[in-house]
């Protein structure tokens, strides 16, 4: 028996030394990467890539975890539940202050993704352009003061509400903010709770279908934010080649959406993604609109947004504007805001390692 075991051991050693089956198996095994996403558009790139096996082509096995908000994503980071993924400005801010993250690539402008809604019979819905600098924004100091507003704290919608109040010459002290996750805010508002609600897509589609009055989008209020791919700083620095491969997979999906757009095929896939991963049922028209309001940036555009050759990059400016807002309302201390800005979480060093050209999606 011992002789048989010895022979088997020698055969295995020989296979490894000679590059035989054992060595091949180890070399071909994809590297598992756990990633974080929210119930919205950015995750479609990776969901579709996994379906097509694009991650395996790069030697990766990407696992997708679902979270309700950016702060919830960041709370899971110390436990190493994920190492890469997508988040909004709330996650970027909290991650930069408390959890030592990188922002490895801005991916989507959120100008038309977030919308503030009023009840159709609200007095504020009758006042448009109170501040002439923002002609498409509804409300006035008299009609908004004292409102109860549903929102998700320390996220992009929180930032948007702050900008809305500022446009009208008000502050958070003039209203009552009620914090709740997005999936809860829609039914709560529908049941009569609150005077206004701030939502991100796809929850905005429900609001539009209910004929709630739009008070303005982020574009209307000139407070653009972006979704970004982020990662655990220590892990990224230790695995730069894996980060670059992940980016290559993601950008392959972005190129597909940029070139094909909301075709019938893409709409079908997108609806499946939203249903199976995010738990959201969409019509064809809603899926088409969601794709249109989430335009992906190309590799070249992304690199340009991270360019610091003339000082702060555009990505830095967007993030620092949000940081200044949350500092002004004392959600974070001056020391924390300084820490965030000094960290300069945006980096293009992983994008620079992406093997070009990006593979064709066809």
Protein backbone atom coordinates (compact mmCIF):
# COMPACT_ATOMS: atom_id res chain seq x y z
CA UNK A 1 0.00 0.00 0.00
CA UNK A 2 2.82 2.39 0.92
CA UNK A 3 4.52 1.64 -2.41
CA UNK A 4 1.35 2.51 -4.30
CA UNK A 5 1.03 5.80 -2.43
CA UNK A 6 4.67 6.61 -3.15
CA UNK A 7 4.21 5.88 -6.87
CA UNK A 8 1.13 8.11 -6.98
CA UNK A 9 2.99 10.90 -5.24
CA UNK A 10 5.91 10.66 -7.66
CA UNK A 11 3.55 10.73 -10.64
CA UNK A 12 1.89 13.89 -9.34
CA UNK A 13 5.26 15.54 -8.75
CA UNK A 14 6.32 14.61 -12.26
CA UNK A 15 3.18 16.10 -13.72
CA UNK A 16 3.80 19.38 -11.93
CA UNK A 17 7.46 19.53 -12.94
CA UNK A 18 6.71 18.68 -16.55
CA UNK A 19 3.75 21.03 -16.83
CA UNK A 20 1.29 18.15 -16.94
CA UNK A 21 -2.41 17.97 -16.00
CA UNK A 22 -2.01 19.06 -12.36
CA UNK A 23 -0.06 22.19 -13.26
CA UNK A 24 -2.49 23.04 -16.08
CA UNK A 25 -5.48 22.71 -13.77
CA UNK A 26 -3.95 25.12 -11.25
CA UNK A 27 -2.98 27.62 -13.92
CA UNK A 28 -6.40 27.58 -15.59
CA UNK A 29 -8.47 28.04 -12.43
CA UNK A 30 -10.07 31.53 -12.49
CA UNK A 31 -9.36 33.89 -9.60
CA UNK A 32 -12.52 34.52 -7.60
CA UNK A 33 -13.28 38.20 -6.96
CA UNK A 34 -16.17 39.32 -4.77
CA UNK A 35 -17.79 42.57 -5.93
CA UNK A 36 -20.48 44.96 -4.61
CA UNK A 37 -23.38 46.56 -6.50
CA UNK A 38 -26.68 48.28 -5.90
CA UNK A 39 -30.08 47.64 -7.46
CA UNK A 40 -29.39 49.91 -10.42
CA UNK A 41 -27.78 50.16 -13.84
CA UNK A 42 -23.99 49.88 -13.26
CA UNK A 43 -24.11 46.20 -12.33
CA UNK A 44 -25.52 45.21 -15.73
CA UNK A 45 -22.05 45.30 -17.30
CA UNK A 46 -20.74 42.58 -15.00
CA UNK A 47 -23.97 40.56 -14.92
CA UNK A 48 -23.92 40.36 -18.71
CA UNK A 49 -20.16 39.71 -18.78
CA UNK A 50 -20.62 36.74 -16.44
CA UNK A 51 -23.42 35.41 -18.62
CA UNK A 52 -21.14 35.59 -21.66
CA UNK A 53 -18.09 34.23 -19.85
CA UNK A 54 -16.05 37.40 -20.39
CA UNK A 55 -14.70 37.26 -16.84
CA UNK A 56 -13.44 33.73 -17.40
CA UNK A 57 -11.65 34.91 -20.56
CA UNK A 58 -9.66 37.26 -18.32
CA UNK A 59 -8.97 34.51 -15.78
CA UNK A 60 -11.52 35.86 -13.30
CA UNK A 61 -14.58 34.47 -11.56
CA UNK A 62 -16.53 37.57 -10.53
CA UNK A 63 -19.09 37.17 -7.76
CA UNK A 64 -21.80 39.85 -7.42
CA UNK A 65 -23.22 40.98 -4.05
CA UNK A 66 -26.30 43.25 -3.80
CA UNK A 67 -26.56 46.19 -1.37
CA UNK A 68 -29.25 48.87 -0.89
CA UNK A 69 -26.94 51.88 -0.66
CA UNK A 70 -23.36 53.12 -0.75
CA UNK A 71 -23.04 53.43 3.05
CA UNK A 72 -24.23 49.82 3.41
CA UNK A 73 -21.58 48.72 0.92
CA UNK A 74 -18.84 50.46 2.88
CA UNK A 75 -19.95 48.95 6.18
CA UNK A 76 -19.34 45.52 4.63
CA UNK A 77 -15.80 46.34 3.49
CA UNK A 78 -13.92 45.78 6.79
CA UNK A 79 -15.28 42.22 6.83
CA UNK A 80 -13.75 41.74 3.36
CA UNK A 81 -17.14 40.87 1.86
CA UNK A 82 -16.01 42.54 -1.37
CA UNK A 83 -12.87 44.02 -2.93
CA UNK A 84 -14.21 45.80 -6.04
CA UNK A 85 -17.55 47.14 -7.22
CA UNK A 86 -19.63 50.21 -8.01
CA UNK A 87 -20.95 52.91 -5.70
CA UNK A 88 -22.30 56.45 -5.76
CA UNK A 89 -20.93 59.58 -4.14
CA UNK A 90 -22.16 58.64 -0.66
CA UNK A 91 -20.19 55.42 -0.78
CA UNK A 92 -17.18 57.20 -2.25
CA UNK A 93 -17.20 59.82 0.50
CA UNK A 94 -17.65 57.41 3.40
CA UNK A 95 -15.20 54.96 1.86
CA UNK A 96 -12.56 57.65 1.43
CA UNK A 97 -12.93 58.89 5.01
CA UNK A 98 -13.36 55.65 6.93
CA UNK A 99 -12.51 52.62 4.85
CA UNK A 100 -9.44 53.39 2.74
CA UNK A 101 -10.75 52.88 -0.79
CA UNK A 102 -9.65 53.78 -4.28
CA UNK A 103 -11.98 55.12 -6.96
CA UNK A 104 -10.48 53.29 -9.92
CA UNK A 105 -12.80 54.62 -12.65
CA UNK A 106 -15.79 56.97 -12.96
CA UNK A 107 -18.26 55.07 -15.14
CA UNK A 108 -21.63 56.86 -15.43
CA UNK A 109 -22.92 60.44 -15.12
CA UNK A 110 -25.96 60.60 -12.86
CA UNK A 111 -27.37 63.90 -14.11
CA UNK A 112 -30.78 62.43 -15.05
CA UNK A 113 -30.68 59.41 -12.74
CA UNK A 114 -31.84 61.23 -9.58
CA UNK A 115 -35.08 63.19 -9.35
CA UNK A 116 -36.89 65.06 -6.58
CA UNK A 117 -40.68 64.60 -6.54
CA UNK A 118 -43.61 66.54 -5.09
CA UNK A 119 -47.23 65.58 -4.73
CA UNK A 120 -49.20 66.85 -7.75
CA UNK A 121 -51.43 69.00 -5.52
CA UNK A 122 -48.51 70.46 -3.56
CA UNK A 123 -48.37 74.28 -3.54
CA UNK A 124 -44.67 73.91 -4.42
CA UNK A 125 -45.68 72.18 -7.66
CA UNK A 126 -47.32 75.42 -8.78
CA UNK A 127 -44.10 77.48 -8.53
CA UNK A 128 -41.49 77.01 -11.25
CA UNK A 129 -38.25 78.98 -11.63
CA UNK A 130 -38.36 80.85 -8.31
CA UNK A 131 -34.59 81.16 -8.63
CA UNK A 132 -33.99 82.42 -12.20
CA UNK A 133 -30.62 80.63 -12.31
CA UNK A 134 -32.54 77.35 -12.15
CA UNK A 135 -35.58 77.85 -14.41
CA UNK A 136 -36.70 74.21 -14.37
CA UNK A 137 -36.69 73.77 -10.59
CA UNK A 138 -40.01 73.86 -8.69
CA UNK A 139 -40.75 75.29 -5.24
CA UNK A 140 -40.29 78.47 -3.24
CA UNK A 141 -39.34 79.25 0.35
CA UNK A 142 -42.97 79.69 1.37
CA UNK A 143 -44.19 76.47 -0.25
CA UNK A 144 -41.29 74.24 0.86
CA UNK A 145 -40.57 75.39 4.40
CA UNK A 146 -41.92 72.87 6.91
CA UNK A 147 -42.04 69.99 4.41
CA UNK A 148 -41.37 66.39 5.39
CA UNK A 149 -38.96 64.93 2.79
CA UNK A 150 -38.21 61.22 2.32
CA UNK A 151 -34.60 60.45 1.35
CA UNK A 152 -31.67 58.07 1.85
CA UNK A 153 -29.10 59.64 4.17
CA UNK A 154 -25.50 60.33 3.10
CA UNK A 155 -26.18 59.41 -0.53
CA UNK A 156 -26.53 61.32 -3.77
CA UNK A 157 -30.19 62.10 -3.10
CA UNK A 158 -29.21 63.70 0.21
CA UNK A 159 -26.76 65.94 -1.65
CA UNK A 160 -29.49 66.79 -4.17
CA UNK A 161 -31.96 67.82 -1.46
CA UNK A 162 -29.31 70.09 0.02
CA UNK A 163 -28.81 71.75 -3.35
CA UNK A 164 -32.58 72.18 -3.81
CA UNK A 165 -32.95 73.87 -0.44
CA UNK A 166 -29.97 76.10 -1.18
CA UNK A 167 -31.51 77.15 -4.51
CA UNK A 168 -34.62 78.23 -2.61
CA UNK A 169 -32.66 80.01 0.12
CA UNK A 170 -33.44 77.36 2.75
CA UNK A 171 -31.45 74.89 4.86
CA UNK A 172 -32.13 71.47 6.36
CA UNK A 173 -33.30 73.24 9.52
CA UNK A 174 -36.32 74.50 7.55
CA UNK A 175 -37.62 71.00 6.71
CA UNK A 176 -37.90 67.55 8.27
CA UNK A 177 -35.82 64.82 6.64
CA UNK A 178 -36.99 61.22 7.02
CA UNK A 179 -34.29 58.65 6.29
CA UNK A 180 -35.26 55.39 4.59
CA UNK A 181 -33.89 53.07 1.93
CA UNK A 182 -35.10 53.64 -1.63
CA UNK A 183 -37.32 50.51 -1.87
CA UNK A 184 -39.19 51.72 1.24
CA UNK A 185 -39.46 55.37 0.23
CA UNK A 186 -41.69 54.73 -2.80
CA UNK A 187 -44.50 52.80 -1.00
CA UNK A 188 -44.27 55.15 1.98
CA UNK A 189 -44.82 58.21 -0.23
CA UNK A 190 -47.61 56.40 -2.03
CA UNK A 191 -49.35 55.81 1.30
CA UNK A 192 -49.31 59.53 2.05
CA UNK A 193 -46.14 59.79 4.13
CA UNK A 194 -44.11 62.89 3.37
CA UNK A 195 -44.52 65.95 1.17
CA UNK A 196 -41.58 65.22 -1.15
CA UNK A 197 -39.36 62.26 -1.97
CA UNK A 198 -35.96 62.07 -3.66
CA UNK A 199 -35.28 58.94 -5.71
CA UNK A 200 -32.80 57.35 -8.06
CA UNK A 201 -33.60 55.17 -11.06
CA UNK A 202 -35.24 52.73 -11.46
CA UNK A 203 -37.47 53.93 -8.60
CA UNK A 204 -37.98 57.16 -10.53
CA UNK A 205 -39.91 55.17 -13.15
CA UNK A 206 -42.48 54.15 -10.54
CA UNK A 207 -42.80 57.78 -9.47
CA UNK A 208 -43.26 58.92 -13.07
CA UNK A 209 -45.88 56.23 -13.68
CA UNK A 210 -47.79 57.54 -10.63
CA UNK A 211 -47.71 61.06 -12.15
CA UNK A 212 -45.85 62.56 -9.19
CA UNK A 213 -44.64 66.07 -9.97
CA UNK A 214 -40.94 66.40 -10.75
CA UNK A 215 -39.33 69.25 -8.79
CA UNK A 216 -36.11 68.81 -10.76
CA UNK A 217 -33.28 66.47 -11.70
CA UNK A 218 -29.60 66.80 -10.82
CA UNK A 219 -29.05 68.38 -14.22
CA UNK A 220 -31.76 70.94 -13.47
CA UNK A 221 -30.05 71.75 -10.16
CA UNK A 222 -26.51 71.74 -11.56
CA UNK A 223 -25.18 69.21 -9.05
CA UNK A 224 -23.86 66.40 -11.24
CA UNK A 225 -22.48 63.30 -9.55
CA UNK A 226 -21.12 60.04 -10.91
CA UNK A 227 -21.15 56.33 -10.20
CA UNK A 228 -17.62 54.99 -9.90
CA UNK A 229 -15.86 51.65 -9.72
CA UNK A 230 -14.15 51.44 -6.35
CA UNK A 231 -11.89 48.99 -4.58
CA UNK A 232 -10.26 48.15 -1.28
CA UNK A 233 -6.98 50.09 -1.43
CA UNK A 234 -4.76 47.42 0.14
CA UNK A 235 -6.17 44.66 -2.05
CA UNK A 236 -5.89 46.75 -5.22
CA UNK A 237 -2.27 47.65 -4.51
CA UNK A 238 -1.47 43.98 -3.93
CA UNK A 239 -3.37 42.82 -7.05
CA UNK A 240 -3.04 45.54 -9.73
CA UNK A 241 -3.21 43.03 -12.59
CA UNK A 242 -6.56 41.71 -11.31
CA UNK A 243 -7.96 45.23 -11.03
CA UNK A 244 -6.89 45.91 -14.64
CA UNK A 245 -8.56 42.69 -15.82
CA UNK A 246 -11.76 43.60 -13.97
CA UNK A 247 -11.74 47.04 -15.62
CA UNK A 248 -11.22 45.41 -19.01
CA UNK A 249 -14.29 43.23 -18.46
CA UNK A 250 -16.37 46.20 -17.36
CA UNK A 251 -15.33 48.43 -20.25
CA UNK A 252 -16.17 45.67 -22.71
CA UNK A 253 -19.77 45.94 -21.52
CA UNK A 254 -19.64 49.73 -21.71
CA UNK A 255 -18.49 49.57 -25.32
CA UNK A 256 -21.39 47.25 -26.12
CA UNK A 257 -23.95 49.64 -24.63
CA UNK A 258 -22.38 52.64 -26.34
CA UNK A 259 -22.41 50.97 -29.75
CA UNK A 260 -25.61 48.93 -29.68
CA UNK A 261 -27.68 51.14 -27.38
CA UNK A 262 -31.12 50.03 -26.14
CA UNK A 263 -31.76 47.55 -28.94
CA UNK A 264 -34.49 44.92 -28.48
CA UNK A 265 -31.78 42.39 -27.60
CA UNK A 266 -30.17 44.63 -24.99
CA UNK A 267 -33.54 45.57 -23.52
CA UNK A 268 -34.39 41.89 -23.07
CA UNK A 269 -31.07 41.23 -21.33
CA UNK A 270 -31.39 44.36 -19.19
CA UNK A 271 -34.86 43.41 -18.00
CA UNK A 272 -33.57 39.97 -17.06
CA UNK A 273 -30.70 41.52 -15.10
CA UNK A 274 -33.02 43.86 -13.22
CA UNK A 275 -35.44 41.04 -12.42
CA UNK A 276 -32.93 38.34 -11.47
CA UNK A 277 -30.26 40.40 -9.72
CA UNK A 278 -31.95 43.59 -8.52
CA UNK A 279 -35.42 42.12 -7.95
CA UNK A 280 -37.06 44.86 -10.03
CA UNK A 281 -39.55 44.20 -12.81
CA UNK A 282 -39.37 46.61 -15.74
CA UNK A 283 -41.31 47.15 -18.92
CA UNK A 284 -39.48 47.43 -22.23
CA UNK A 285 -39.96 51.19 -22.18
CA UNK A 286 -38.61 51.53 -18.63
CA UNK A 287 -35.56 49.44 -19.50
CA UNK A 288 -34.92 51.55 -22.58
CA UNK A 289 -35.14 54.77 -20.58
CA UNK A 290 -32.91 53.41 -17.81
CA UNK A 291 -30.21 52.58 -20.35
CA UNK A 292 -30.52 56.00 -21.96
CA UNK A 293 -30.13 57.93 -18.69
CA UNK A 294 -27.08 55.86 -17.74
CA UNK A 295 -24.67 56.58 -20.62
CA UNK A 296 -21.36 54.74 -20.21
CA UNK A 297 -18.01 56.45 -20.71
CA UNK A 298 -15.34 55.02 -22.99
CA UNK A 299 -11.83 54.18 -21.85
CA UNK A 300 -10.53 57.45 -23.32
CA UNK A 301 -13.28 59.54 -21.71
CA UNK A 302 -12.66 57.90 -18.35
CA UNK A 303 -8.95 58.63 -18.53
CA UNK A 304 -9.73 62.27 -19.37
CA UNK A 305 -11.96 62.59 -16.29
CA UNK A 306 -9.04 61.46 -14.10
CA UNK A 307 -6.43 63.74 -15.69
CA UNK A 308 -4.62 65.86 -13.08
CA UNK A 309 -2.08 67.42 -15.44
CA UNK A 310 -3.65 70.88 -14.86
CA UNK A 311 -4.57 70.46 -11.21
CA UNK A 312 -7.70 68.79 -9.85
CA UNK A 313 -9.26 66.30 -12.22
CA UNK A 314 -12.93 66.61 -13.17
CA UNK A 315 -13.60 63.54 -11.03
CA UNK A 316 -11.86 65.25 -8.08
CA UNK A 317 -14.00 68.38 -8.52
CA UNK A 318 -17.24 66.42 -8.54
CA UNK A 319 -16.32 64.49 -5.41
CA UNK A 320 -14.97 67.50 -3.52
CA UNK A 321 -18.16 69.44 -4.22
CA UNK A 322 -20.15 66.69 -2.51
CA UNK A 323 -17.65 66.57 0.36
CA UNK A 324 -17.98 70.32 0.89
CA UNK A 325 -21.77 70.00 1.04
CA UNK A 326 -21.74 67.28 3.68
CA UNK A 327 -19.14 69.25 5.60
CA UNK A 328 -21.34 72.36 5.48
CA UNK A 329 -24.25 70.51 7.11
CA UNK A 330 -21.89 68.97 9.67
CA UNK A 331 -22.47 65.36 8.64
CA UNK A 332 -18.69 65.10 8.65
CA UNK A 333 -16.17 67.16 10.62
CA UNK A 334 -13.70 69.54 8.97
CA UNK A 335 -10.96 67.03 9.82
CA UNK A 336 -12.84 64.25 8.04
CA UNK A 337 -13.44 66.36 4.94
CA UNK A 338 -9.75 67.29 4.87
CA UNK A 339 -8.86 63.62 5.22
CA UNK A 340 -11.06 62.79 2.25
CA UNK A 341 -9.57 65.46 0.03
CA UNK A 342 -6.01 64.63 1.06
CA UNK A 343 -6.60 60.94 0.30
CA UNK A 344 -7.24 61.74 -3.40
CA UNK A 345 -9.02 58.43 -3.86
CA UNK A 346 -9.30 58.87 -7.64
CA UNK A 347 -6.54 57.10 -9.51
CA UNK A 348 -5.85 56.16 -13.13
CA UNK A 349 -2.95 53.82 -12.36
CA UNK A 350 -5.05 50.69 -12.83
CA UNK A 351 -6.69 51.94 -16.03
CA UNK A 352 -3.20 52.52 -17.39
CA UNK A 353 -2.50 48.81 -16.90
CA UNK A 354 -5.57 47.69 -18.88
CA UNK A 355 -4.53 45.71 -21.94
CA UNK A 356 -5.73 47.53 -25.05
CA UNK A 357 -7.65 47.26 -27.23
CA UNK A 358 -10.71 46.21 -25.24
CA UNK A 359 -12.02 42.93 -26.74
CA UNK A 360 -14.99 43.17 -29.09
CA UNK A 361 -18.35 42.44 -27.48
CA UNK A 362 -19.72 40.87 -30.66
